[in-house]
């Protein structure tokens, strides 16, 4: 499966499942030592994840955030 095929498959899933996948992948990479994630960043991510699951309709959509961050 290509990178684009994997992304397309993930994009077809419900948003809460997509977020759970992201969380699982980041945790696995962190456990393998591939990423150095500070405890502060982990706590921030978990806080944001919790806030998302508490109210998934709140916040800005990714395309808007991406545009603000990267101009894309």
Protein backbone atom coordinates (compact mmCIF):
# COMPACT_ATOMS: atom_id res chain seq x y z
CA UNK A 1 0.00 0.00 0.00
CA UNK A 2 1.42 3.41 -0.92
CA UNK A 3 1.63 6.40 1.39
CA UNK A 4 -1.23 8.08 -0.47
CA UNK A 5 -3.38 4.94 -0.29
CA UNK A 6 -2.84 4.71 3.46
CA UNK A 7 -3.77 8.38 3.88
CA UNK A 8 -6.87 7.94 1.74
CA UNK A 9 -7.92 4.92 3.80
CA UNK A 10 -7.45 6.83 7.02
CA UNK A 11 -9.33 9.85 5.65
CA UNK A 12 -12.35 7.62 4.99
CA UNK A 13 -12.61 6.74 8.70
CA UNK A 14 -14.61 8.72 11.27
CA UNK A 15 -12.65 11.61 12.76
CA UNK A 16 -12.51 10.09 16.24
CA UNK A 17 -10.94 6.96 14.78
CA UNK A 18 -8.45 9.05 12.81
CA UNK A 19 -7.42 10.85 15.98
CA UNK A 20 -7.04 7.55 17.82
CA UNK A 21 -4.78 6.30 15.02
CA UNK A 22 -2.64 9.43 15.25
CA UNK A 23 -2.39 9.04 18.99
CA UNK A 24 -1.43 5.36 18.70
CA UNK A 25 1.20 6.00 16.03
CA UNK A 26 2.79 8.85 17.98
CA UNK A 27 2.85 6.74 21.14
CA UNK A 28 4.43 3.80 19.30
CA UNK A 29 7.06 6.00 17.68
CA UNK A 30 7.81 7.64 20.98
CA UNK A 31 8.19 4.25 22.68
CA UNK A 32 10.60 3.15 19.94
CA UNK A 33 12.71 6.23 20.49
CA UNK A 34 12.12 7.49 16.95
CA UNK A 35 10.71 10.73 18.31
CA UNK A 36 11.82 12.70 21.27
CA UNK A 37 8.67 14.04 22.84
CA UNK A 38 8.91 15.93 26.09
CA UNK A 39 6.61 15.10 28.97
CA UNK A 40 5.20 18.61 28.60
CA UNK A 41 4.34 18.00 24.94
CA UNK A 42 2.80 14.61 25.78
CA UNK A 43 0.65 16.22 28.45
CA UNK A 44 -0.41 18.96 26.02
CA UNK A 45 -1.33 16.42 23.37
CA UNK A 46 -3.32 14.29 25.82
CA UNK A 47 -5.10 17.41 27.07
CA UNK A 48 -6.03 18.39 23.53
CA UNK A 49 -7.09 14.84 22.72
CA UNK A 50 -9.34 14.80 25.78
CA UNK A 51 -10.82 18.18 24.83
CA UNK A 52 -11.49 16.93 21.31
CA UNK A 53 -13.31 13.83 22.50
CA UNK A 54 -15.31 15.94 24.96
CA UNK A 55 -16.44 18.29 22.16
CA UNK A 56 -15.35 17.19 18.65
CA UNK A 57 -17.22 20.05 16.94
CA UNK A 58 -15.21 22.74 18.70
CA UNK A 59 -12.05 24.17 17.20
CA UNK A 60 -10.81 24.97 13.73
CA UNK A 61 -10.82 22.54 10.79
CA UNK A 62 -7.39 21.26 9.72
CA UNK A 63 -7.44 23.01 6.29
CA UNK A 64 -7.82 26.37 8.01
CA UNK A 65 -5.07 25.64 10.54
CA UNK A 66 -2.78 24.31 7.77
CA UNK A 67 -3.36 27.47 5.75
CA UNK A 68 -2.47 29.64 8.76
CA UNK A 69 0.64 27.58 9.54
CA UNK A 70 1.97 26.74 6.13
CA UNK A 71 0.12 28.97 3.68
CA UNK A 72 -1.18 25.90 1.83
